[in-house]
N, C-alpha and C. Protein backbone atom coordinates (compact mmCIF):
# COMPACT_ATOMS: atom_id res chain seq x y z
N MET A 1 -20.10 18.66 2.61
CA MET A 1 -20.66 17.34 2.83
C MET A 1 -20.10 16.33 1.83
N LYS A 2 -19.87 16.77 0.57
CA LYS A 2 -19.35 15.88 -0.44
C LYS A 2 -17.96 15.37 -0.08
N LYS A 3 -17.15 16.25 0.52
CA LYS A 3 -15.79 15.84 0.84
C LYS A 3 -15.78 14.73 1.87
N TYR A 4 -16.65 14.80 2.86
CA TYR A 4 -16.72 13.75 3.87
C TYR A 4 -17.28 12.47 3.28
N SER A 5 -18.24 12.60 2.39
CA SER A 5 -18.81 11.43 1.73
C SER A 5 -17.76 10.72 0.90
N LEU A 6 -16.94 11.49 0.19
CA LEU A 6 -15.89 10.91 -0.63
C LEU A 6 -14.89 10.15 0.23
N ILE A 7 -14.51 10.72 1.34
CA ILE A 7 -13.56 10.05 2.23
C ILE A 7 -14.16 8.79 2.82
N ILE A 8 -15.40 8.84 3.22
CA ILE A 8 -16.07 7.67 3.80
C ILE A 8 -16.22 6.58 2.74
N VAL A 9 -16.63 6.95 1.54
CA VAL A 9 -16.78 5.97 0.46
C VAL A 9 -15.43 5.35 0.13
N SER A 10 -14.39 6.16 0.08
CA SER A 10 -13.04 5.64 -0.21
C SER A 10 -12.60 4.66 0.86
N ALA A 11 -12.79 5.02 2.12
CA ALA A 11 -12.40 4.13 3.21
C ALA A 11 -13.19 2.82 3.14
N PHE A 12 -14.47 2.90 2.88
CA PHE A 12 -15.30 1.70 2.76
C PHE A 12 -14.81 0.82 1.61
N PHE A 13 -14.52 1.44 0.47
CA PHE A 13 -14.06 0.70 -0.71
C PHE A 13 -12.76 -0.03 -0.41
N ILE A 14 -11.83 0.64 0.24
CA ILE A 14 -10.56 0.02 0.58
C ILE A 14 -10.76 -1.11 1.57
N ALA A 15 -11.56 -0.88 2.61
CA ALA A 15 -11.81 -1.92 3.59
C ALA A 15 -12.49 -3.12 2.93
N PHE A 16 -13.44 -2.87 2.05
CA PHE A 16 -14.13 -3.95 1.35
C PHE A 16 -13.16 -4.74 0.49
N SER A 17 -12.29 -4.03 -0.23
CA SER A 17 -11.30 -4.71 -1.08
C SER A 17 -10.38 -5.59 -0.25
N LEU A 18 -9.92 -5.06 0.88
CA LEU A 18 -9.01 -5.83 1.72
C LEU A 18 -9.72 -7.01 2.39
N SER A 19 -10.98 -6.83 2.77
CA SER A 19 -11.71 -7.95 3.39
C SER A 19 -11.94 -9.06 2.38
N ASN A 20 -12.15 -8.69 1.12
CA ASN A 20 -12.29 -9.71 0.08
C ASN A 20 -11.01 -10.49 -0.10
N CYS A 21 -9.87 -9.84 0.06
CA CYS A 21 -8.59 -10.56 -0.04
C CYS A 21 -8.49 -11.59 1.07
N THR A 22 -8.86 -11.21 2.28
CA THR A 22 -8.80 -12.12 3.42
C THR A 22 -9.76 -13.28 3.23
N ASN A 23 -10.98 -12.98 2.82
CA ASN A 23 -11.97 -14.04 2.59
C ASN A 23 -11.53 -14.97 1.48
N ALA A 24 -10.98 -14.42 0.43
CA ALA A 24 -10.55 -15.24 -0.70
C ALA A 24 -9.42 -16.17 -0.28
N ALA A 25 -8.50 -15.68 0.53
CA ALA A 25 -7.38 -16.51 0.98
C ALA A 25 -7.88 -17.65 1.86
N SER A 26 -8.86 -17.38 2.70
CA SER A 26 -9.36 -18.42 3.58
C SER A 26 -10.16 -19.48 2.82
N ASN A 27 -10.68 -19.13 1.64
CA ASN A 27 -11.42 -20.08 0.81
C ASN A 27 -10.52 -20.77 -0.20
N LYS A 28 -9.22 -20.60 -0.07
CA LYS A 28 -8.22 -21.21 -0.94
C LYS A 28 -8.27 -20.67 -2.37
N THR A 29 -9.00 -19.57 -2.58
CA THR A 29 -8.93 -18.86 -3.84
C THR A 29 -8.32 -17.52 -3.52
N SER A 30 -7.71 -16.92 -4.50
CA SER A 30 -6.97 -15.70 -4.21
C SER A 30 -7.38 -14.57 -5.13
N LEU A 31 -7.64 -13.43 -4.53
CA LEU A 31 -7.80 -12.21 -5.28
C LEU A 31 -6.40 -11.67 -5.47
N SER A 32 -5.99 -11.52 -6.69
CA SER A 32 -4.59 -11.16 -6.94
C SER A 32 -4.28 -9.79 -6.38
N GLY A 33 -3.03 -9.63 -5.98
CA GLY A 33 -2.55 -8.35 -5.50
C GLY A 33 -2.71 -7.28 -6.56
N THR A 34 -2.62 -7.67 -7.80
CA THR A 34 -2.77 -6.72 -8.90
C THR A 34 -4.17 -6.12 -8.92
N ALA A 35 -5.18 -6.92 -8.63
CA ALA A 35 -6.56 -6.42 -8.62
C ALA A 35 -6.75 -5.39 -7.51
N VAL A 36 -6.20 -5.67 -6.33
CA VAL A 36 -6.29 -4.71 -5.22
C VAL A 36 -5.55 -3.44 -5.60
N ASN A 37 -4.37 -3.60 -6.17
CA ASN A 37 -3.56 -2.45 -6.58
C ASN A 37 -4.32 -1.60 -7.59
N GLN A 38 -4.96 -2.22 -8.56
CA GLN A 38 -5.73 -1.48 -9.56
C GLN A 38 -6.89 -0.73 -8.92
N ASN A 39 -7.55 -1.36 -7.95
CA ASN A 39 -8.65 -0.70 -7.24
C ASN A 39 -8.15 0.52 -6.49
N LEU A 40 -7.01 0.40 -5.83
CA LEU A 40 -6.46 1.53 -5.08
C LEU A 40 -6.10 2.67 -6.02
N PHE A 41 -5.49 2.36 -7.16
CA PHE A 41 -5.16 3.39 -8.13
C PHE A 41 -6.43 4.08 -8.64
N ALA A 42 -7.49 3.32 -8.83
CA ALA A 42 -8.75 3.90 -9.30
C ALA A 42 -9.33 4.85 -8.25
N VAL A 43 -9.27 4.46 -6.98
CA VAL A 43 -9.78 5.32 -5.91
C VAL A 43 -8.94 6.59 -5.83
N ALA A 44 -7.62 6.44 -5.87
CA ALA A 44 -6.74 7.62 -5.81
C ALA A 44 -7.02 8.56 -6.99
N LYS A 45 -7.25 8.00 -8.15
CA LYS A 45 -7.54 8.82 -9.33
C LYS A 45 -8.83 9.61 -9.16
N GLU A 46 -9.87 8.97 -8.62
CA GLU A 46 -11.15 9.65 -8.39
C GLU A 46 -10.99 10.77 -7.35
N ILE A 47 -10.25 10.50 -6.31
CA ILE A 47 -10.02 11.53 -5.29
C ILE A 47 -9.26 12.70 -5.90
N ASN A 48 -8.23 12.41 -6.68
CA ASN A 48 -7.39 13.46 -7.27
C ASN A 48 -8.16 14.34 -8.25
N LYS A 49 -9.22 13.82 -8.85
CA LYS A 49 -10.05 14.63 -9.75
C LYS A 49 -10.71 15.78 -8.99
N LYS A 50 -10.95 15.58 -7.69
CA LYS A 50 -11.66 16.56 -6.89
C LYS A 50 -10.72 17.41 -6.02
N CYS A 51 -9.44 17.17 -6.14
CA CYS A 51 -8.46 17.89 -5.33
C CYS A 51 -7.95 19.12 -6.07
N PRO A 52 -7.51 20.13 -5.35
CA PRO A 52 -7.50 20.24 -3.90
C PRO A 52 -8.91 20.56 -3.38
N MET A 53 -9.20 20.05 -2.20
CA MET A 53 -10.49 20.34 -1.58
C MET A 53 -10.30 20.57 -0.09
N PRO A 54 -10.97 21.58 0.45
CA PRO A 54 -10.84 21.83 1.89
C PRO A 54 -11.56 20.75 2.69
N THR A 55 -10.94 20.34 3.79
CA THR A 55 -11.59 19.37 4.67
C THR A 55 -12.15 20.05 5.90
N ASP A 56 -11.53 21.14 6.32
CA ASP A 56 -12.05 22.01 7.36
C ASP A 56 -11.41 23.37 7.19
N GLU A 57 -11.58 24.27 8.13
CA GLU A 57 -11.09 25.63 7.94
C GLU A 57 -9.56 25.72 7.93
N ASN A 58 -8.86 24.71 8.45
CA ASN A 58 -7.41 24.75 8.52
C ASN A 58 -6.70 23.70 7.67
N THR A 59 -7.44 22.81 7.04
CA THR A 59 -6.83 21.68 6.35
C THR A 59 -7.38 21.54 4.93
N ARG A 60 -6.48 21.20 4.01
CA ARG A 60 -6.86 20.98 2.62
C ARG A 60 -6.30 19.63 2.17
N LEU A 61 -7.14 18.82 1.52
CA LEU A 61 -6.68 17.57 0.91
C LEU A 61 -6.12 17.91 -0.46
N ASP A 62 -4.81 17.65 -0.66
CA ASP A 62 -4.15 18.01 -1.91
C ASP A 62 -4.17 16.89 -2.93
N SER A 63 -3.99 15.66 -2.47
CA SER A 63 -3.96 14.53 -3.40
C SER A 63 -3.97 13.22 -2.62
N ALA A 64 -4.09 12.14 -3.38
CA ALA A 64 -3.99 10.79 -2.83
C ALA A 64 -3.07 10.00 -3.74
N SER A 65 -2.32 9.09 -3.15
CA SER A 65 -1.43 8.26 -3.95
C SER A 65 -1.38 6.86 -3.36
N VAL A 66 -1.00 5.91 -4.19
CA VAL A 66 -0.85 4.53 -3.73
C VAL A 66 0.59 4.34 -3.30
N TYR A 67 0.75 3.81 -2.11
CA TYR A 67 2.07 3.60 -1.52
C TYR A 67 2.24 2.12 -1.22
N ASN A 68 3.36 1.57 -1.60
CA ASN A 68 3.70 0.19 -1.25
C ASN A 68 2.67 -0.82 -1.77
N GLU A 69 2.04 -0.51 -2.88
CA GLU A 69 1.08 -1.34 -3.60
C GLU A 69 -0.22 -1.67 -2.87
N PHE A 70 -0.26 -1.59 -1.55
CA PHE A 70 -1.47 -1.97 -0.82
C PHE A 70 -1.94 -0.92 0.16
N MET A 71 -1.40 0.30 0.06
CA MET A 71 -1.81 1.37 0.96
C MET A 71 -2.08 2.62 0.15
N ILE A 72 -3.10 3.35 0.56
CA ILE A 72 -3.38 4.63 -0.07
C ILE A 72 -2.94 5.71 0.92
N THR A 73 -2.28 6.72 0.40
CA THR A 73 -1.77 7.81 1.23
C THR A 73 -2.50 9.08 0.82
N TYR A 74 -2.98 9.82 1.81
CA TYR A 74 -3.64 11.09 1.59
C TYR A 74 -2.65 12.20 1.93
N HIS A 75 -2.53 13.18 1.03
CA HIS A 75 -1.59 14.28 1.22
C HIS A 75 -2.39 15.54 1.54
N TYR A 76 -2.14 16.07 2.73
CA TYR A 76 -2.86 17.24 3.24
C TYR A 76 -1.92 18.42 3.39
N THR A 77 -2.50 19.62 3.37
CA THR A 77 -1.81 20.84 3.77
C THR A 77 -2.56 21.41 4.95
N VAL A 78 -1.82 21.77 5.98
CA VAL A 78 -2.41 22.40 7.16
C VAL A 78 -2.05 23.86 7.12
N HIS A 79 -3.05 24.72 7.14
CA HIS A 79 -2.84 26.16 7.13
C HIS A 79 -2.80 26.68 8.55
N THR A 80 -1.87 27.57 8.81
CA THR A 80 -1.85 28.24 10.10
C THR A 80 -2.16 29.70 9.86
N HIS A 81 -2.98 30.25 10.70
CA HIS A 81 -3.38 31.64 10.57
C HIS A 81 -2.60 32.47 11.58
N LYS A 82 -1.69 33.28 11.08
CA LYS A 82 -0.92 34.15 11.97
C LYS A 82 -1.67 35.45 12.15
N GLN A 83 -1.68 35.90 13.39
CA GLN A 83 -2.39 37.16 13.66
C GLN A 83 -1.44 38.17 14.24
């Protein structure tokens, strides 16, 4: 349950950060790209503290990283069970 909560909280945090950028731009004030970038790095760091963690019986979340300054990338391993 914790793993799903972490993913949901991370997604909400990212969406909230990005919506604030849009709102700030429309109000003629700007949330700097650096602030968003720092938030993404903080989220990735928190996720990585708990990695590796299984997401289901065949998938494991190995890490998260910030890509292209405004995107977070999740790195998974998919296990196949040979019989």
